[in-house]
Amino acid sequence: MPVLTTSPAPSESTPSIPSRVRYQVLAMVCGLSMITYLDRVCFGTAAPAIASELNLTSVADMKWVFTAFAIAYAIFEIPTGWWGDRIGPKKMLIRIVAWWSVCTALTAVVGWKWAGITFGGLGTLITLRFLFGAGEAGAYPNIASVLRQWIPRHQWELAQGLVWMSGRIAGGLTPLIWALLVSGTAFTPSLMHWRTAFVLFGIIGLIWCVIFSIQFRNRPQEHPNVNQEELALIGTTTASPATHHGPVPWKALLTNRSLWALCLMYSLINYGWAFNITYLPSYMEERFEVPRDDLIGAIYKGAPLWVGAIGCVAGGILVNTLSRRLGSRALGRRALGVMAMLLCAACWIGAREATNVHLFCLFVAASGFGIDLTLGAAWATCQDLGRRNTAVVAACMNTIGTLGTAFATWITGTVIQSFIASKSATLQTPISELSPSIIREATLSGYQAVFLTTVGGFLIAAVCWLLIDPDHVIDTPEHSDPQSDPQPASV
């Protein structure tokens, strides 16, 4: 009789290779972070030109333009985070990016003169920036929600660091991109007007929306290309989670000491960091007479962001190292946070006393590095505290943080204006008749006063880090969460 043979069945013990869709998701939210900072920083870079075209005395007269964005961002951050937790980050992020991209493009119209008609002025610009902030609110809280679903817990800090690194790199390169496209350099001519650049940046955001809508799913188990091995690696199951989210535990949220300390800390570092994307370009032009078309100057203007990008990734790595040595992820985050804040305070003392542009930019960039060392830990703490309410908790932190940004932009402009007004009163000369050199002297004195408050803010932020405990979870008992299981500290 012929011998019947059959092919051996595949061994069930042979492990399959996990799919890698999580990396595609991480790449998409990193791209979103880049577009966010491209659109934010380009406005600060364009501010001197916009102020000149609107016939303003200085960039300080645009304080309410900067502040309107931050106020709107803060107002709508928690509602948008709450909404994203319920409908899913996909719809929310597409709405956010489309909204702010349209606002970016519309900025090109403000102050435009055509056929004897001027399309808006300072008031219109303030309104548009308010709408911009309202539309962009919730972007990073919803990104945090994406990372909680798609990234293994022990890699949260590193993933957050990569997201923020991407934004910082884009923001740091924006002054250089602006110089190449708009201002021109000693080696290259200007390629377009600043209005055209705003339209271009708006179109880039809309392209991202199309790609994200096609490629992304809210949860790994909903994506057709995710296998069971990747689901296990992420720490989730093949079963679809319940659609009912349950009420937000507002009482537990509002009485959580760690969250309050986290929010205050984030507000203080935003207070110190806001200068980098608002007044830094004009400050360098005022104090060190850096030309707008200077290539090295453009690189320096973006230095706090592209140096900070290194800190974003380094922070995630350092948290893992410190956590292993100290035996606790909470202690690792605290140690890093305190050291970073002390570094920032020392750097701003150095920046205030710097005698040349090279030293000044070195200190400011080092401060940006120190701030960004803590970003991964701060946002991962939101994921730890919030779990299924990650976007709401992250929105709370970012709301208070944005108020720090709003206050920084407002107080900086107000202090500078008060110094100019004081000089006007001393000389008994109207502000409009003061010489440029006197206005410059008063402006720089105002900045020096603001820098002292920045130092104090970082010292208080160091104390806040000692009070933050990521194990104090804000959640309702009925919400079990597969990502809540302990994970190894190593990456």
Protein backbone atom coordinates (compact mmCIF):
# COMPACT_ATOMS: atom_id res chain seq x y z
CA MET A 1 0.00 0.00 0.00
CA PRO A 2 1.27 3.45 -0.72
CA VAL A 3 2.33 5.37 2.29
CA LEU A 4 0.29 8.48 2.81
CA THR A 5 2.29 11.45 3.99
CA THR A 6 1.07 14.75 5.26
CA SER A 7 2.82 18.00 5.74
CA PRO A 8 3.61 18.61 9.40
CA ALA A 9 1.33 21.08 11.07
CA PRO A 10 2.94 24.33 11.98
CA SER A 11 4.24 24.23 15.51
CA GLU A 12 2.04 26.24 17.80
CA SER A 13 5.09 26.93 19.90
CA THR A 14 6.80 28.79 17.08
CA PRO A 15 6.39 32.47 17.94
CA SER A 16 5.11 34.80 15.26
CA ILE A 17 6.69 38.17 14.69
CA PRO A 18 4.57 41.05 16.03
CA SER A 19 3.27 43.43 13.41
CA ARG A 20 4.65 46.96 13.54
CA VAL A 21 1.59 49.13 13.02
CA ARG A 22 2.26 50.88 16.35
CA TYR A 23 5.35 52.46 14.79
CA GLN A 24 3.27 53.80 11.89
CA VAL A 25 0.87 55.32 14.41
CA LEU A 26 3.78 56.85 16.33
CA ALA A 27 5.15 58.30 13.08
CA MET A 28 1.79 59.90 12.26
CA VAL A 29 1.43 61.62 15.64
CA CYS A 30 5.06 62.71 15.47
CA GLY A 31 4.24 64.27 12.09
CA LEU A 32 1.26 66.00 13.70
CA SER A 33 3.52 67.39 16.41
CA MET A 34 5.87 68.76 13.75
CA ILE A 35 3.04 70.56 11.95
CA THR A 36 1.81 71.97 15.26
CA TYR A 37 5.11 73.66 15.98
CA LEU A 38 5.67 74.72 12.38
CA ASP A 39 2.44 76.71 12.54
CA ARG A 40 3.06 78.06 16.07
CA VAL A 41 6.65 79.16 15.62
CA CYS A 42 6.19 80.64 12.16
CA PHE A 43 3.88 83.25 13.68
CA GLY A 44 6.46 84.34 16.26
CA THR A 45 9.09 84.46 13.52
CA ALA A 46 6.81 86.53 11.31
CA ALA A 47 5.76 88.84 14.16
CA PRO A 48 8.26 91.67 13.42
CA ALA A 49 7.17 91.79 9.78
CA ILE A 50 3.49 91.65 10.70
CA ALA A 51 3.92 94.39 13.32
CA SER A 52 5.63 96.58 10.75
CA GLU A 53 2.92 95.99 8.16
CA LEU A 54 0.19 96.84 10.71
CA ASN A 55 2.08 100.04 11.66
CA LEU A 56 2.65 98.98 15.29
CA THR A 57 5.37 100.52 17.47
CA SER A 58 6.93 97.16 18.31
CA VAL A 59 6.17 93.47 18.72
CA ALA A 60 5.18 94.24 22.33
CA ASP A 61 2.03 95.86 20.88
CA MET A 62 1.04 92.36 19.74
CA LYS A 63 0.85 91.02 23.30
CA TRP A 64 -2.90 90.41 23.01
CA VAL A 65 -2.37 88.55 19.74
CA PHE A 66 -0.10 86.07 21.50
CA THR A 67 -2.29 86.02 24.62
CA ALA A 68 -5.56 85.46 22.72
CA PHE A 69 -4.20 82.20 21.31
CA ALA A 70 -3.14 80.95 24.74
CA ILE A 71 -6.42 81.94 26.44
CA ALA A 72 -8.55 80.17 23.82
CA TYR A 73 -6.25 77.15 23.95
CA ALA A 74 -6.73 76.97 27.72
CA ILE A 75 -10.52 77.45 27.61
CA PHE A 76 -11.15 74.66 25.11
CA GLU A 77 -8.46 72.19 26.22
CA ILE A 78 -10.50 70.23 28.80
CA PRO A 79 -13.75 70.11 26.76
CA THR A 80 -11.82 68.86 23.73
CA GLY A 81 -9.95 66.26 25.80
CA TRP A 82 -13.25 65.07 27.31
CA TRP A 83 -14.84 64.93 23.86
CA GLY A 84 -11.88 63.01 22.42
CA ASP A 85 -12.08 60.43 25.23
CA ARG A 86 -15.65 59.71 24.15
CA ILE A 87 -15.69 59.84 20.35
CA GLY A 88 -12.12 58.66 19.90
CA PRO A 89 -8.97 60.57 18.94
CA LYS A 90 -9.30 59.95 15.19
CA LYS A 91 -12.28 62.24 14.57
CA MET A 92 -11.04 64.73 17.12
CA LEU A 93 -7.52 65.08 15.74
CA ILE A 94 -8.76 65.43 12.16
CA ARG A 95 -11.12 68.21 13.28
CA ILE A 96 -8.35 69.93 15.26
CA VAL A 97 -5.76 69.91 12.49
CA ALA A 98 -8.23 70.95 9.77
CA TRP A 99 -9.46 73.86 11.91
CA TRP A 100 -6.05 75.27 12.77
CA SER A 101 -4.75 74.76 9.20
CA VAL A 102 -7.56 76.93 7.87
CA CYS A 103 -6.77 79.57 10.50
CA THR A 104 -3.10 79.46 9.54
CA ALA A 105 -3.97 80.09 5.90
CA LEU A 106 -6.39 82.91 6.80
CA THR A 107 -3.60 84.72 8.66
CA ALA A 108 -2.25 85.60 5.23
CA VAL A 109 -5.24 87.85 4.60
CA VAL A 110 -4.95 90.08 7.70
CA GLY A 111 -3.77 93.59 6.78
CA TRP A 112 -3.78 92.77 3.07
CA LYS A 113 -4.51 95.80 0.91
CA TRP A 114 -6.37 95.27 -2.35
CA ALA A 115 -8.27 97.79 -4.50
CA GLY A 116 -8.09 100.36 -1.72
CA ILE A 117 -9.51 97.93 0.86
CA THR A 118 -7.56 96.72 3.91
CA PHE A 119 -8.68 93.31 5.14
CA GLY A 120 -8.58 93.71 8.89
CA GLY A 121 -5.99 94.95 11.34
CA LEU A 122 -4.81 94.22 14.86
CA GLY A 123 -8.32 93.44 16.13
CA THR A 124 -8.92 90.98 13.32
CA LEU A 125 -5.59 89.31 14.01
CA ILE A 126 -6.44 88.95 17.72
CA THR A 127 -9.78 87.34 16.81
CA LEU A 128 -8.17 84.97 14.34
CA ARG A 129 -5.51 83.89 16.83
CA PHE A 130 -8.25 83.25 19.39
CA LEU A 131 -10.01 80.99 16.89
CA PHE A 132 -6.66 79.35 16.10
CA GLY A 133 -6.15 78.52 19.79
CA ALA A 134 -9.72 77.24 20.15
CA GLY A 135 -9.22 74.94 17.19
CA GLU A 136 -5.82 73.61 18.20
CA ALA A 137 -6.85 72.93 21.81
CA GLY A 138 -6.81 69.24 22.67
CA ALA A 139 -4.18 68.17 20.16
CA TYR A 140 -1.62 66.87 22.65
CA PRO A 141 -4.15 65.40 25.13
CA ASN A 142 -5.62 63.36 22.27
CA ILE A 143 -2.13 62.35 21.15
CA ALA A 144 -1.60 61.12 24.73
CA SER A 145 -4.77 59.07 24.37
CA VAL A 146 -3.43 57.57 21.13
CA LEU A 147 -0.15 56.61 22.79
CA ARG A 148 -1.94 55.04 25.76
CA GLN A 149 -3.82 52.76 23.38
CA TRP A 150 -1.01 51.97 20.96
CA ILE A 151 2.27 51.96 22.93
CA PRO A 152 3.36 49.51 25.69
CA ARG A 153 3.29 51.21 29.08
CA HIS A 154 7.02 50.88 29.76
CA GLN A 155 7.68 52.89 26.58
CA TRP A 156 5.29 55.76 27.30
CA GLU A 157 7.98 58.25 28.33
CA LEU A 158 10.09 57.47 25.29
CA ALA A 159 7.10 57.68 22.93
CA GLN A 160 6.05 61.01 24.44
CA GLY A 161 9.65 62.16 24.13
CA LEU A 162 9.69 61.29 20.42
CA VAL A 163 6.42 63.19 19.87
CA TRP A 164 7.75 66.29 21.58
CA MET A 165 11.16 65.89 19.94
CA SER A 166 9.45 65.99 16.54
CA GLY A 167 7.62 69.18 17.43
CA ARG A 168 10.73 70.83 18.81
CA ILE A 169 12.79 69.93 15.73
CA ALA A 170 10.13 71.41 13.45
CA GLY A 171 9.86 74.49 15.65
CA GLY A 172 13.62 74.88 15.82
CA LEU A 173 13.96 74.65 12.07
CA THR A 174 11.07 77.04 11.40
CA PRO A 175 13.15 80.26 11.71
CA LEU A 176 15.66 78.77 9.27
CA ILE A 177 12.88 77.64 6.91
CA TRP A 178 11.35 81.10 7.21
CA ALA A 179 14.67 82.74 6.38
CA LEU A 180 15.11 80.54 3.30
CA LEU A 181 11.54 80.97 2.07
CA VAL A 182 10.61 84.50 3.11
CA SER A 183 13.40 86.68 4.49
CA GLY A 184 16.14 85.41 2.23
CA THR A 185 19.77 85.09 3.30
CA ALA A 186 23.12 86.36 2.15
CA PHE A 187 23.31 83.24 -0.04
CA THR A 188 19.72 82.77 -1.21
CA PRO A 189 17.01 85.17 -2.34
CA SER A 190 13.53 85.35 -0.84
CA LEU A 191 11.24 82.80 -2.52
CA MET A 192 7.84 84.04 -1.37
CA HIS A 193 5.99 86.68 0.63
CA TRP A 194 5.14 85.87 4.25
CA ARG A 195 1.46 85.67 3.31
CA THR A 196 2.17 82.90 0.79
CA ALA A 197 4.14 80.99 3.45
CA PHE A 198 1.12 80.96 5.78
CA VAL A 199 -1.05 79.52 3.01
CA LEU A 200 1.57 76.85 2.28
CA PHE A 201 1.79 75.82 5.93
CA GLY A 202 -2.00 75.57 6.11
CA ILE A 203 -2.08 73.22 3.11
CA ILE A 204 0.51 70.93 4.77
CA GLY A 205 -1.86 70.41 7.71
CA LEU A 206 -4.77 69.51 5.45
CA ILE A 207 -2.63 66.90 3.66
CA TRP A 208 -1.87 65.30 7.05
CA CYS A 209 -5.61 65.06 7.74
CA VAL A 210 -6.15 63.02 4.57
CA ILE A 211 -3.33 60.58 5.37
CA PHE A 212 -4.42 60.16 9.00
CA SER A 213 -8.05 59.54 8.07
CA ILE A 214 -7.03 56.66 5.81
CA GLN A 215 -4.32 55.00 7.92
CA PHE A 216 -5.35 55.41 11.57
CA ARG A 217 -7.73 53.45 13.82
CA ASN A 218 -8.62 54.46 17.37
CA ARG A 219 -7.58 51.12 18.89
CA PRO A 220 -5.11 48.42 17.84
CA GLN A 221 -7.81 45.73 17.78
CA GLU A 222 -9.70 47.72 15.14
CA HIS A 223 -6.77 47.83 12.69
CA PRO A 224 -6.75 45.04 10.08
CA ASN A 225 -2.95 44.86 9.96
CA VAL A 226 -2.38 44.34 13.70
CA ASN A 227 -1.76 40.72 14.69
CA GLN A 228 -2.29 39.06 18.07
CA GLU A 229 1.41 39.24 18.90
CA GLU A 230 1.43 43.01 18.57
CA LEU A 231 -1.74 43.22 20.65
CA ALA A 232 -0.07 41.19 23.38
CA LEU A 233 3.04 43.36 23.17
CA ILE A 234 1.00 46.53 23.52
CA GLY A 235 -0.88 45.02 26.43
CA THR A 236 -4.42 44.79 25.08
CA THR A 237 -6.78 42.05 23.92
CA THR A 238 -8.51 41.16 20.67
CA ALA A 239 -11.89 41.92 22.18
CA SER A 240 -13.32 45.31 21.42
CA PRO A 241 -13.65 47.46 24.53
CA ALA A 242 -17.03 48.57 25.75
CA THR A 243 -18.33 51.66 24.06
CA HIS A 244 -19.63 53.09 27.34
CA HIS A 245 -16.95 55.25 28.82
CA GLY A 246 -18.61 56.15 32.09
CA PRO A 247 -18.58 59.49 33.89
CA VAL A 248 -15.39 61.44 34.46
CA PRO A 249 -14.41 61.18 38.16
CA TRP A 250 -14.31 64.94 38.62
CA LYS A 251 -14.21 64.85 42.42
CA ALA A 252 -11.22 62.51 42.45
CA LEU A 253 -9.60 64.59 39.73
CA LEU A 254 -10.05 67.93 41.49
CA THR A 255 -8.80 66.60 44.84
CA ASN A 256 -5.73 64.78 43.55
CA ARG A 257 -2.58 66.39 44.98
CA SER A 258 -0.35 64.93 42.29
CA LEU A 259 -2.46 66.41 39.51
CA TRP A 260 -2.44 69.86 41.13
CA ALA A 261 1.33 69.73 41.55
CA LEU A 262 1.69 68.49 37.96
CA CYS A 263 -0.50 71.33 36.64
CA LEU A 264 1.37 74.01 38.61
CA MET A 265 4.73 72.64 37.49
CA TYR A 266 3.61 72.60 33.86
CA SER A 267 2.31 76.14 34.11
CA LEU A 268 5.65 77.36 35.44
CA ILE A 269 7.75 75.67 32.76
CA ASN A 270 5.41 77.03 30.10
CA TYR A 271 5.85 80.48 31.63
CA GLY A 272 9.60 80.14 31.12
CA TRP A 273 9.35 78.48 27.72
CA ALA A 274 6.82 80.84 26.08
CA PHE A 275 9.54 83.40 25.37
CA ASN A 276 11.16 81.00 22.88
CA ILE A 277 8.27 81.06 20.40
CA THR A 278 7.05 84.62 20.91
CA TYR A 279 9.56 87.33 21.79
CA LEU A 280 12.92 85.60 21.20
CA PRO A 281 13.36 86.63 17.53
CA SER A 282 12.58 90.29 18.22
CA TYR A 283 14.66 90.25 21.44
CA MET A 284 17.73 89.05 19.55
CA GLU A 285 17.20 91.75 16.96
CA GLU A 286 16.82 94.41 19.69
CA ARG A 287 19.60 93.42 22.09
CA PHE A 288 22.22 91.91 19.79
CA GLU A 289 21.21 93.59 16.51
CA VAL A 290 20.89 90.27 14.68
CA PRO A 291 19.65 90.98 11.12
CA ARG A 292 16.45 89.23 10.04
CA ASP A 293 18.18 87.77 7.00
CA ASP A 294 21.17 86.44 8.98
CA LEU A 295 21.50 82.67 8.52
CA ILE A 296 23.31 82.07 11.82
CA GLY A 297 20.76 84.29 13.56
CA ALA A 298 17.94 82.13 12.17
CA ILE A 299 19.62 79.03 13.56
CA TYR A 300 20.08 80.72 16.95
CA LYS A 301 16.42 81.79 17.06
CA GLY A 302 15.39 78.16 16.79
CA ALA A 303 18.13 76.84 19.10
CA PRO A 304 15.93 76.32 22.22
CA LEU A 305 13.68 74.06 20.18
CA TRP A 306 16.14 71.94 18.24
CA VAL A 307 18.41 71.56 21.28
CA GLY A 308 15.30 70.83 23.33
CA ALA A 309 14.46 68.06 20.86
CA ILE A 310 17.48 66.16 22.14
CA GLY A 311 16.18 66.62 25.67
CA CYS A 312 12.80 65.11 24.73
CA VAL A 313 14.36 61.77 23.83
CA ALA A 314 17.10 61.92 26.46
CA GLY A 315 14.45 62.46 29.13
CA GLY A 316 12.70 59.20 28.29
CA ILE A 317 15.97 57.30 28.43
CA LEU A 318 17.04 58.97 31.68
CA VAL A 319 13.73 58.18 33.40
CA ASN A 320 14.23 54.49 32.63
CA THR A 321 17.83 54.59 33.91
CA LEU A 322 16.95 56.48 37.10
CA SER A 323 13.92 54.26 37.70
CA ARG A 324 16.07 51.14 37.64
CA ARG A 325 18.67 52.64 39.97
CA LEU A 326 16.19 54.12 42.43
CA GLY A 327 13.83 51.16 42.27
CA SER A 328 10.77 53.25 41.38
CA ARG A 329 9.45 55.00 38.30
CA ALA A 330 7.95 57.72 40.50
CA LEU A 331 11.34 58.42 42.10
CA GLY A 332 13.01 58.38 38.70
CA ARG A 333 10.66 61.03 37.37
CA ARG A 334 11.02 63.18 40.48
CA ALA A 335 14.82 63.06 40.42
CA LEU A 336 14.91 64.04 36.75
CA GLY A 337 12.35 66.80 37.24
CA VAL A 338 14.15 68.46 40.14
CA MET A 339 17.56 68.35 38.44
CA ALA A 340 16.14 69.71 35.18
CA MET A 341 14.36 72.63 36.87
CA LEU A 342 17.49 73.66 38.78
CA LEU A 343 19.41 73.57 35.49
CA CYS A 344 16.81 75.85 33.88
CA ALA A 345 16.98 78.38 36.72
CA ALA A 346 20.77 78.54 36.48
CA CYS A 347 20.62 78.94 32.69
CA TRP A 348 18.27 81.94 32.86
CA ILE A 349 20.56 83.64 35.34
CA GLY A 350 23.35 83.10 32.82
CA ALA A 351 21.20 84.31 29.90
CA ARG A 352 20.32 87.49 31.76
CA GLU A 353 24.00 88.29 32.32
CA ALA A 354 25.31 87.12 28.93
CA THR A 355 27.41 89.71 27.12
CA ASN A 356 27.12 88.39 23.58
CA VAL A 357 24.60 86.59 21.41
CA HIS A 358 26.53 83.31 21.43
CA LEU A 359 26.49 82.98 25.23
CA PHE A 360 22.89 84.14 25.42
CA CYS A 361 21.70 81.53 22.93
CA LEU A 362 23.79 78.85 24.63
CA PHE A 363 22.07 79.50 27.97
CA VAL A 364 18.57 79.80 26.50
CA ALA A 365 19.05 76.61 24.48
CA ALA A 366 20.33 74.77 27.57
CA SER A 367 17.21 75.90 29.43
CA GLY A 368 15.07 74.54 26.60
CA PHE A 369 16.96 71.27 26.90
CA GLY A 370 16.22 71.15 30.63
CA ILE A 371 12.50 71.78 30.14
CA ASP A 372 12.22 69.14 27.47
CA LEU A 373 13.96 66.54 29.61
CA THR A 374 10.77 66.49 31.68
CA LEU A 375 8.10 66.47 28.95
CA GLY A 376 7.96 62.71 28.46
CA ALA A 377 7.68 62.15 32.21
CA ALA A 378 4.99 64.83 32.60
CA TRP A 379 2.75 63.51 29.82
CA ALA A 380 3.34 59.86 30.76
CA THR A 381 2.24 60.80 34.29
CA CYS A 382 -1.06 62.00 32.77
CA GLN A 383 -1.47 58.57 31.20
CA ASP A 384 -0.71 56.90 34.54
CA LEU A 385 -3.08 59.13 36.52
CA GLY A 386 -5.89 59.18 33.97
CA ARG A 387 -5.96 55.74 32.33
CA ARG A 388 -9.28 55.76 30.46
CA ASN A 389 -9.58 59.47 31.19
CA THR A 390 -6.10 60.19 29.84
CA ALA A 391 -7.15 62.98 27.48
CA VAL A 392 -9.12 64.75 30.23
CA VAL A 393 -6.25 64.55 32.72
CA ALA A 394 -3.72 65.64 30.07
CA ALA A 395 -6.06 68.47 29.09
CA CYS A 396 -6.20 69.64 32.72
CA MET A 397 -2.41 69.79 32.85
CA ASN A 398 -2.14 71.49 29.49
CA THR A 399 -4.90 73.96 30.33
CA ILE A 400 -3.10 75.24 33.41
CA GLY A 401 0.16 75.07 31.48
CA THR A 402 -1.29 77.20 28.71
CA LEU A 403 -2.43 79.77 31.25
CA GLY A 404 1.23 80.04 32.19
CA THR A 405 2.01 80.71 28.53
CA ALA A 406 -0.78 83.30 28.31
CA PHE A 407 0.40 85.09 31.42
CA ALA A 408 4.01 85.06 30.20
CA THR A 409 3.16 86.63 26.84
CA TRP A 410 0.90 89.22 28.44
CA ILE A 411 3.19 90.16 31.32
CA THR A 412 6.24 90.43 29.06
CA GLY A 413 4.51 92.89 26.75
CA THR A 414 2.98 94.77 29.69
CA VAL A 415 6.30 95.12 31.56
CA ILE A 416 8.06 96.35 28.42
CA GLN A 417 5.31 98.88 27.73
CA SER A 418 5.47 100.09 31.36
CA PHE A 419 9.23 100.60 31.12
CA ILE A 420 8.77 102.59 27.91
CA ALA A 421 5.99 104.64 29.51
CA SER A 422 8.16 105.28 32.58
CA LYS A 423 11.00 106.52 30.39
CA SER A 424 8.52 108.74 28.54
CA ALA A 425 7.31 110.22 31.82
CA THR A 426 10.86 110.75 33.11
CA LEU A 427 11.88 112.58 29.94
CA GLN A 428 8.49 114.32 29.70
CA THR A 429 8.33 113.27 26.08
CA PRO A 430 5.44 111.46 24.35
CA ILE A 431 6.21 107.83 23.51
CA SER A 432 5.73 108.55 19.81
CA GLU A 433 8.56 111.10 19.99
CA LEU A 434 11.06 108.98 21.88
CA SER A 435 14.18 108.12 19.90
CA PRO A 436 14.70 104.47 18.81
CA SER A 437 17.73 104.19 21.10
CA ILE A 438 15.72 105.23 24.18
CA ILE A 439 12.89 102.84 23.30
CA ARG A 440 15.46 100.09 22.85
CA GLU A 441 17.02 100.79 26.24
CA ALA A 442 13.65 100.70 28.00
CA THR A 443 12.59 97.56 26.14
CA LEU A 444 15.71 95.65 27.18
CA SER A 445 15.31 96.76 30.80
CA GLY A 446 11.79 95.35 30.73
CA TYR A 447 13.04 92.01 29.44
CA GLN A 448 15.67 91.84 32.19
CA ALA A 449 12.95 92.26 34.85
CA VAL A 450 10.86 89.48 33.29
CA PHE A 451 13.85 87.11 33.21
CA LEU A 452 14.14 87.32 37.01
CA THR A 453 10.56 86.05 37.39
CA THR A 454 11.43 83.17 35.07
CA VAL A 455 14.22 82.06 37.41
CA GLY A 456 11.82 82.06 40.36
CA GLY A 457 9.28 80.03 38.41
CA PHE A 458 11.75 77.24 37.71
CA LEU A 459 12.72 77.02 41.40
CA ILE A 460 9.08 76.58 42.40
CA ALA A 461 8.64 73.98 39.63
CA ALA A 462 11.47 71.95 41.19
CA VAL A 463 9.49 71.78 44.44
CA CYS A 464 6.36 70.70 42.53
CA TRP A 465 8.15 67.65 41.13
CA LEU A 466 8.67 66.38 44.69
CA LEU A 467 4.88 66.26 45.18
CA ILE A 468 3.97 64.33 42.00
CA ASP A 469 3.10 60.64 42.47
CA PRO A 470 2.16 58.83 39.21
CA ASP A 471 0.77 55.86 41.19
CA HIS A 472 -2.11 57.94 42.61
CA VAL A 473 -4.54 56.93 39.85
CA ILE A 474 -7.58 59.08 39.04
CA ASP A 475 -10.17 56.58 37.86
CA THR A 476 -13.39 54.87 38.87
CA PRO A 477 -13.09 51.32 40.27
CA GLU A 478 -15.29 49.74 37.61
CA HIS A 479 -12.87 50.76 34.86
CA SER A 480 -10.39 47.97 34.60
CA ASP A 481 -7.58 48.78 32.21
CA PRO A 482 -5.17 46.29 30.65
CA GLN A 483 -2.52 48.98 30.50
CA SER A 484 -2.66 49.32 34.30
CA ASP A 485 -0.72 46.14 34.90
CA PRO A 486 2.85 46.66 36.07
CA GLN A 487 5.40 46.76 33.27
CA PRO A 488 9.16 46.46 33.42
CA ALA A 489 11.09 49.70 33.70
CA SER A 490 13.41 48.97 30.80
CA VAL A 491 12.64 49.96 27.25
